[in-house]
Amino acid sequence: MWERQVGARVYQLRREQKLTRAEFGELIGKSEQYVGKIERGAVIIPGDVVNKLCDKIGVSADFIIRGAVDPLDTAASLKGLSHDQIQVTLDIAAGVIKFLNTTSGNNALLKEAFRRSTSV
C-alpha cells in the first residue's frame, strides 16, 4: 500500500517540475515506463532512485518515503515574513531543538509531540 503513496508523491514532484515521464526518467536514470510503474505503485522504489530524486529535485527522502515535510525546508511557511521575523522563528526553533536534545527521557511526550508536529 505504501508503494502507491510513494508513487503519488513522485507523481506530484514530477508535475511540480513540469516534466514528462521521459524527462523525469532521464533525470533519475530510469526509463519512462519505469517512472510510470513508480507512480502507479507497481514497484518498490529502490534506495538509489530515492537518493537521485533527493539530489536532483531537492527534496528529502523522508518526504518521498513517508510524506513528511522536511522541517528545515521552511521556505513556503516563511514566505511573506520579514528578515527579522524569519530570524526570530529560526532562533526559537533552534532553542526548542537544543532543549529537546538536552533533556532527559522525562520529556518523552514533549519530544514525541515535537516529532509529530514536524512530520505533518
N, C-alpha and C. Protein backbone atom coordinates (compact mmCIF):
# COMPACT_ATOMS: atom_id res chain seq x y z
N MET A 1 0.81 -1.19 0.00
CA MET A 1 0.00 0.00 0.00
C MET A 1 0.85 1.26 0.00
N TRP A 2 1.95 1.25 0.76
CA TRP A 2 2.78 2.45 0.82
C TRP A 2 3.41 2.77 -0.52
N GLU A 3 3.55 1.76 -1.39
CA GLU A 3 4.12 2.00 -2.71
C GLU A 3 3.27 3.00 -3.50
N ARG A 4 1.95 2.92 -3.33
CA ARG A 4 1.05 3.86 -4.02
C ARG A 4 1.22 5.27 -3.48
N GLN A 5 1.41 5.38 -2.17
CA GLN A 5 1.61 6.70 -1.58
C GLN A 5 2.93 7.31 -2.05
N VAL A 6 3.97 6.49 -2.10
CA VAL A 6 5.25 6.95 -2.62
C VAL A 6 5.09 7.36 -4.08
N GLY A 7 4.40 6.53 -4.85
CA GLY A 7 4.16 6.83 -6.26
C GLY A 7 3.42 8.13 -6.45
N ALA A 8 2.44 8.39 -5.60
CA ALA A 8 1.68 9.64 -5.69
C ALA A 8 2.58 10.85 -5.42
N ARG A 9 3.51 10.70 -4.47
CA ARG A 9 4.43 11.80 -4.19
C ARG A 9 5.41 12.00 -5.35
N VAL A 10 5.88 10.92 -5.95
CA VAL A 10 6.77 11.03 -7.10
C VAL A 10 6.03 11.71 -8.26
N TYR A 11 4.79 11.32 -8.47
CA TYR A 11 3.96 11.95 -9.50
C TYR A 11 3.83 13.45 -9.22
N GLN A 12 3.53 13.79 -7.96
CA GLN A 12 3.40 15.19 -7.57
C GLN A 12 4.69 15.96 -7.86
N LEU A 13 5.83 15.39 -7.48
CA LEU A 13 7.11 16.05 -7.72
C LEU A 13 7.36 16.25 -9.21
N ARG A 14 7.07 15.22 -9.99
CA ARG A 14 7.29 15.34 -11.44
C ARG A 14 6.42 16.44 -12.03
N ARG A 15 5.16 16.49 -11.62
CA ARG A 15 4.24 17.51 -12.13
C ARG A 15 4.67 18.92 -11.70
N GLU A 16 5.13 19.04 -10.47
CA GLU A 16 5.61 20.34 -9.98
C GLU A 16 6.81 20.83 -10.79
N GLN A 17 7.63 19.88 -11.24
CA GLN A 17 8.81 20.22 -12.04
C GLN A 17 8.46 20.43 -13.51
N LYS A 18 7.18 20.16 -13.85
CA LYS A 18 6.68 20.29 -15.23
C LYS A 18 7.51 19.42 -16.20
N LEU A 19 7.72 18.17 -15.78
CA LEU A 19 8.50 17.23 -16.57
C LEU A 19 7.61 16.10 -17.06
N THR A 20 7.91 15.62 -18.26
CA THR A 20 7.24 14.42 -18.75
C THR A 20 7.86 13.22 -18.04
N ARG A 21 7.22 12.08 -18.17
CA ARG A 21 7.80 10.87 -17.57
C ARG A 21 9.17 10.57 -18.17
N ALA A 22 9.30 10.80 -19.47
CA ALA A 22 10.59 10.55 -20.13
C ALA A 22 11.68 11.48 -19.58
N GLU A 23 11.35 12.76 -19.43
CA GLU A 23 12.32 13.72 -18.91
C GLU A 23 12.69 13.40 -17.46
N PHE A 24 11.67 13.05 -16.68
CA PHE A 24 11.90 12.70 -15.28
C PHE A 24 12.76 11.44 -15.19
N GLY A 25 12.46 10.46 -16.05
CA GLY A 25 13.24 9.23 -16.07
C GLY A 25 14.70 9.48 -16.40
N GLU A 26 14.93 10.38 -17.36
CA GLU A 26 16.30 10.73 -17.73
C GLU A 26 17.03 11.37 -16.54
N LEU A 27 16.30 12.18 -15.81
CA LEU A 27 16.87 12.87 -14.65
C LEU A 27 17.34 11.88 -13.58
N ILE A 28 16.57 10.80 -13.39
CA ILE A 28 16.91 9.84 -12.33
C ILE A 28 17.54 8.55 -12.87
N GLY A 29 17.77 8.52 -14.18
CA GLY A 29 18.44 7.36 -14.76
C GLY A 29 17.55 6.15 -14.95
N LYS A 30 16.25 6.38 -15.16
CA LYS A 30 15.31 5.28 -15.37
C LYS A 30 14.47 5.57 -16.61
N SER A 31 13.82 4.54 -17.12
CA SER A 31 13.01 4.69 -18.33
C SER A 31 11.67 5.35 -18.01
N GLU A 32 11.03 5.85 -19.04
CA GLU A 32 9.69 6.42 -18.92
C GLU A 32 8.71 5.40 -18.34
N GLN A 33 8.83 4.16 -18.80
CA GLN A 33 7.95 3.09 -18.33
C GLN A 33 8.17 2.82 -16.84
N TYR A 34 9.42 2.85 -16.42
CA TYR A 34 9.74 2.61 -15.02
C TYR A 34 9.17 3.72 -14.13
N VAL A 35 9.27 4.96 -14.61
CA VAL A 35 8.70 6.09 -13.86
C VAL A 35 7.19 5.87 -13.70
N GLY A 36 6.54 5.41 -14.76
CA GLY A 36 5.10 5.12 -14.68
C GLY A 36 4.81 4.05 -13.64
N LYS A 37 5.64 3.03 -13.58
CA LYS A 37 5.45 1.97 -12.58
C LYS A 37 5.62 2.50 -11.16
N ILE A 38 6.61 3.40 -10.98
CA ILE A 38 6.80 4.01 -9.66
C ILE A 38 5.56 4.81 -9.29
N GLU A 39 5.09 5.63 -10.22
CA GLU A 39 3.94 6.50 -9.95
C GLU A 39 2.67 5.71 -9.65
N ARG A 40 2.52 4.55 -10.26
CA ARG A 40 1.35 3.71 -10.01
C ARG A 40 1.50 2.84 -8.77
N GLY A 41 2.69 2.82 -8.20
CA GLY A 41 2.93 1.97 -7.04
C GLY A 41 3.13 0.52 -7.40
N ALA A 42 3.49 0.26 -8.67
CA ALA A 42 3.66 -1.11 -9.14
C ALA A 42 5.03 -1.69 -8.77
N VAL A 43 5.97 -0.83 -8.40
CA VAL A 43 7.29 -1.29 -7.98
C VAL A 43 7.68 -0.57 -6.70
N ILE A 44 8.53 -1.20 -5.94
CA ILE A 44 9.10 -0.57 -4.74
C ILE A 44 10.28 0.27 -5.21
N ILE A 45 10.27 1.52 -4.85
CA ILE A 45 11.32 2.43 -5.30
C ILE A 45 12.63 2.10 -4.58
N PRO A 46 13.68 1.79 -5.35
CA PRO A 46 14.96 1.44 -4.72
C PRO A 46 15.64 2.66 -4.09
N GLY A 47 16.49 2.38 -3.13
CA GLY A 47 17.20 3.45 -2.42
C GLY A 47 18.01 4.35 -3.33
N ASP A 48 18.65 3.77 -4.37
CA ASP A 48 19.46 4.61 -5.25
C ASP A 48 18.59 5.60 -6.02
N VAL A 49 17.37 5.22 -6.33
CA VAL A 49 16.45 6.12 -7.03
C VAL A 49 15.98 7.22 -6.08
N VAL A 50 15.70 6.85 -4.84
CA VAL A 50 15.32 7.84 -3.83
C VAL A 50 16.45 8.87 -3.68
N ASN A 51 17.68 8.39 -3.60
CA ASN A 51 18.82 9.30 -3.47
C ASN A 51 18.94 10.24 -4.67
N LYS A 52 18.74 9.71 -5.87
CA LYS A 52 18.80 10.56 -7.06
C LYS A 52 17.70 11.61 -7.05
N LEU A 53 16.50 11.20 -6.64
CA LEU A 53 15.40 12.17 -6.53
C LEU A 53 15.76 13.28 -5.55
N CYS A 54 16.30 12.90 -4.42
CA CYS A 54 16.68 13.89 -3.42
C CYS A 54 17.70 14.87 -3.98
N ASP A 55 18.71 14.35 -4.66
CA ASP A 55 19.76 15.18 -5.23
C ASP A 55 19.26 16.07 -6.37
N LYS A 56 18.48 15.49 -7.26
CA LYS A 56 18.07 16.20 -8.47
C LYS A 56 16.91 17.15 -8.27
N ILE A 57 15.97 16.78 -7.38
CA ILE A 57 14.76 17.57 -7.20
C ILE A 57 14.86 18.45 -5.95
N GLY A 58 15.71 18.07 -5.02
CA GLY A 58 15.88 18.88 -3.82
C GLY A 58 14.82 18.64 -2.75
N VAL A 59 14.43 17.38 -2.58
CA VAL A 59 13.50 17.01 -1.51
C VAL A 59 14.19 16.02 -0.60
N SER A 60 13.59 15.80 0.55
CA SER A 60 14.17 14.84 1.49
C SER A 60 13.63 13.44 1.20
N ALA A 61 14.44 12.45 1.55
CA ALA A 61 13.99 11.06 1.44
C ALA A 61 12.79 10.83 2.35
N ASP A 62 12.75 11.53 3.45
CA ASP A 62 11.63 11.42 4.37
C ASP A 62 10.33 11.82 3.68
N PHE A 63 10.39 12.84 2.85
CA PHE A 63 9.18 13.24 2.12
C PHE A 63 8.77 12.16 1.12
N ILE A 64 9.73 11.65 0.37
CA ILE A 64 9.41 10.66 -0.65
C ILE A 64 8.83 9.39 -0.02
N ILE A 65 9.45 8.90 1.03
CA ILE A 65 9.05 7.64 1.63
C ILE A 65 7.84 7.79 2.56
N ARG A 66 7.87 8.78 3.43
CA ARG A 66 6.81 8.89 4.44
C ARG A 66 5.85 10.06 4.21
N GLY A 67 6.21 10.95 3.29
CA GLY A 67 5.37 12.11 3.07
C GLY A 67 5.63 13.22 4.07
N ALA A 68 6.67 13.04 4.89
CA ALA A 68 6.99 14.03 5.90
C ALA A 68 7.67 15.22 5.26
N VAL A 69 7.27 16.38 5.68
CA VAL A 69 7.89 17.60 5.19
C VAL A 69 9.15 17.82 6.00
N ASP A 70 10.23 18.12 5.31
CA ASP A 70 11.50 18.39 5.97
C ASP A 70 11.36 19.67 6.80
N PRO A 71 11.54 19.59 8.11
CA PRO A 71 11.37 20.79 8.93
C PRO A 71 12.37 21.90 8.57
N LEU A 72 13.45 21.55 7.91
CA LEU A 72 14.40 22.57 7.50
C LEU A 72 13.98 23.26 6.21
N ASP A 73 13.03 22.67 5.50
CA ASP A 73 12.54 23.26 4.26
C ASP A 73 11.32 24.12 4.58
N THR A 74 11.58 25.28 5.14
CA THR A 74 10.51 26.13 5.62
C THR A 74 10.22 27.30 4.71
N ALA A 75 10.74 27.29 3.52
CA ALA A 75 10.58 28.44 2.63
C ALA A 75 9.13 28.82 2.43
N ALA A 76 8.27 27.84 2.20
CA ALA A 76 6.87 28.14 1.94
C ALA A 76 6.19 28.75 3.16
N SER A 77 6.48 28.22 4.35
CA SER A 77 5.82 28.73 5.55
C SER A 77 6.38 30.07 5.99
N LEU A 78 7.59 30.41 5.57
CA LEU A 78 8.19 31.69 5.96
C LEU A 78 7.96 32.79 4.92
N LYS A 79 7.36 32.43 3.81
CA LYS A 79 7.14 33.40 2.75
C LYS A 79 6.29 34.56 3.27
N GLY A 80 6.71 35.76 2.99
CA GLY A 80 5.96 36.93 3.40
C GLY A 80 6.42 37.51 4.73
N LEU A 81 7.27 36.79 5.45
CA LEU A 81 7.78 37.32 6.71
C LEU A 81 8.99 38.19 6.45
N SER A 82 9.21 39.13 7.34
CA SER A 82 10.39 39.99 7.22
C SER A 82 11.63 39.18 7.61
N HIS A 83 12.79 39.73 7.30
CA HIS A 83 14.05 39.07 7.67
C HIS A 83 14.12 38.88 9.18
N ASP A 84 13.72 39.91 9.95
CA ASP A 84 13.76 39.81 11.41
C ASP A 84 12.80 38.73 11.93
N GLN A 85 11.61 38.64 11.34
CA GLN A 85 10.65 37.61 11.76
C GLN A 85 11.18 36.22 11.46
N ILE A 86 11.82 36.06 10.32
CA ILE A 86 12.41 34.76 9.97
C ILE A 86 13.51 34.41 10.96
N GLN A 87 14.36 35.37 11.29
CA GLN A 87 15.45 35.11 12.23
C GLN A 87 14.91 34.71 13.60
N VAL A 88 13.88 35.39 14.08
CA VAL A 88 13.28 35.05 15.38
C VAL A 88 12.72 33.62 15.33
N THR A 89 12.04 33.28 14.23
CA THR A 89 11.48 31.94 14.08
C THR A 89 12.58 30.88 14.12
N LEU A 90 13.66 31.13 13.42
CA LEU A 90 14.77 30.17 13.40
C LEU A 90 15.44 30.08 14.77
N ASP A 91 15.55 31.20 15.47
CA ASP A 91 16.13 31.18 16.82
C ASP A 91 15.27 30.37 17.78
N ILE A 92 13.96 30.54 17.69
CA ILE A 92 13.05 29.76 18.54
C ILE A 92 13.18 28.28 18.23
N ALA A 93 13.17 27.94 16.95
CA ALA A 93 13.29 26.53 16.56
C ALA A 93 14.61 25.94 17.06
N ALA A 94 15.69 26.70 16.94
CA ALA A 94 16.99 26.21 17.41
C ALA A 94 16.97 25.98 18.92
N GLY A 95 16.31 26.88 19.65
CA GLY A 95 16.19 26.72 21.10
C GLY A 95 15.39 25.49 21.49
N VAL A 96 14.30 25.26 20.79
CA VAL A 96 13.46 24.09 21.06
C VAL A 96 14.25 22.81 20.77
N ILE A 97 14.95 22.78 19.65
CA ILE A 97 15.74 21.60 19.29
C ILE A 97 16.82 21.36 20.33
N LYS A 98 17.51 22.41 20.76
CA LYS A 98 18.54 22.26 21.79
C LYS A 98 17.93 21.72 23.07
N PHE A 99 16.78 22.26 23.46
CA PHE A 99 16.09 21.78 24.67
C PHE A 99 15.75 20.30 24.55
N LEU A 100 15.20 19.91 23.41
CA LEU A 100 14.80 18.52 23.23
C LEU A 100 15.99 17.58 23.23
N ASN A 101 17.10 18.05 22.71
CA ASN A 101 18.30 17.20 22.65
C ASN A 101 19.02 17.09 23.99
N THR A 102 18.76 18.03 24.92
CA THR A 102 19.50 18.01 26.18
C THR A 102 18.66 17.58 27.37
N THR A 103 17.37 17.38 27.18
CA THR A 103 16.53 16.98 28.31
C THR A 103 16.55 15.47 28.48
N SER A 104 16.16 15.05 29.64
CA SER A 104 16.16 13.62 29.93
C SER A 104 14.93 12.96 29.33
N GLY A 105 14.83 11.66 29.48
CA GLY A 105 13.70 10.89 28.97
C GLY A 105 12.37 11.28 29.62
N ASN A 106 12.42 12.10 30.67
CA ASN A 106 11.18 12.53 31.33
C ASN A 106 10.31 13.36 30.40
N ASN A 107 10.87 13.87 29.35
CA ASN A 107 10.12 14.70 28.43
C ASN A 107 9.77 13.95 27.15
N ALA A 108 9.58 12.64 27.28
CA ALA A 108 9.30 11.82 26.10
C ALA A 108 8.03 12.27 25.37
N LEU A 109 7.01 12.65 26.12
CA LEU A 109 5.77 13.10 25.47
C LEU A 109 5.99 14.39 24.69
N LEU A 110 6.76 15.31 25.26
CA LEU A 110 7.07 16.55 24.56
C LEU A 110 7.88 16.28 23.30
N LYS A 111 8.85 15.40 23.40
CA LYS A 111 9.66 15.05 22.24
C LYS A 111 8.80 14.42 21.15
N GLU A 112 7.89 13.53 21.53
CA GLU A 112 7.02 12.89 20.54
C GLU A 112 6.09 13.91 19.89
N ALA A 113 5.55 14.83 20.68
CA ALA A 113 4.68 15.88 20.12
C ALA A 113 5.45 16.74 19.13
N PHE A 114 6.69 17.08 19.47
CA PHE A 114 7.50 17.88 18.55
C PHE A 114 7.81 17.11 17.28
N ARG A 115 8.15 15.82 17.44
CA ARG A 115 8.45 15.00 16.27
C ARG A 115 7.25 14.95 15.33
N ARG A 116 6.07 14.74 15.90
CA ARG A 116 4.86 14.66 15.10
C ARG A 116 4.54 15.99 14.44
N SER A 117 4.77 17.08 15.13
CA SER A 117 4.45 18.40 14.56
C SER A 117 5.35 18.75 13.40
N THR A 118 6.55 18.16 13.36
CA THR A 118 7.47 18.47 12.27
C THR A 118 7.36 17.47 11.13
N SER A 119 6.50 16.47 11.26
CA SER A 119 6.35 15.49 10.18
C SER A 119 4.90 15.47 9.67
N VAL A 120 4.35 16.66 9.54
CA VAL A 120 2.95 16.79 9.07
C VAL A 120 2.84 16.35 7.64
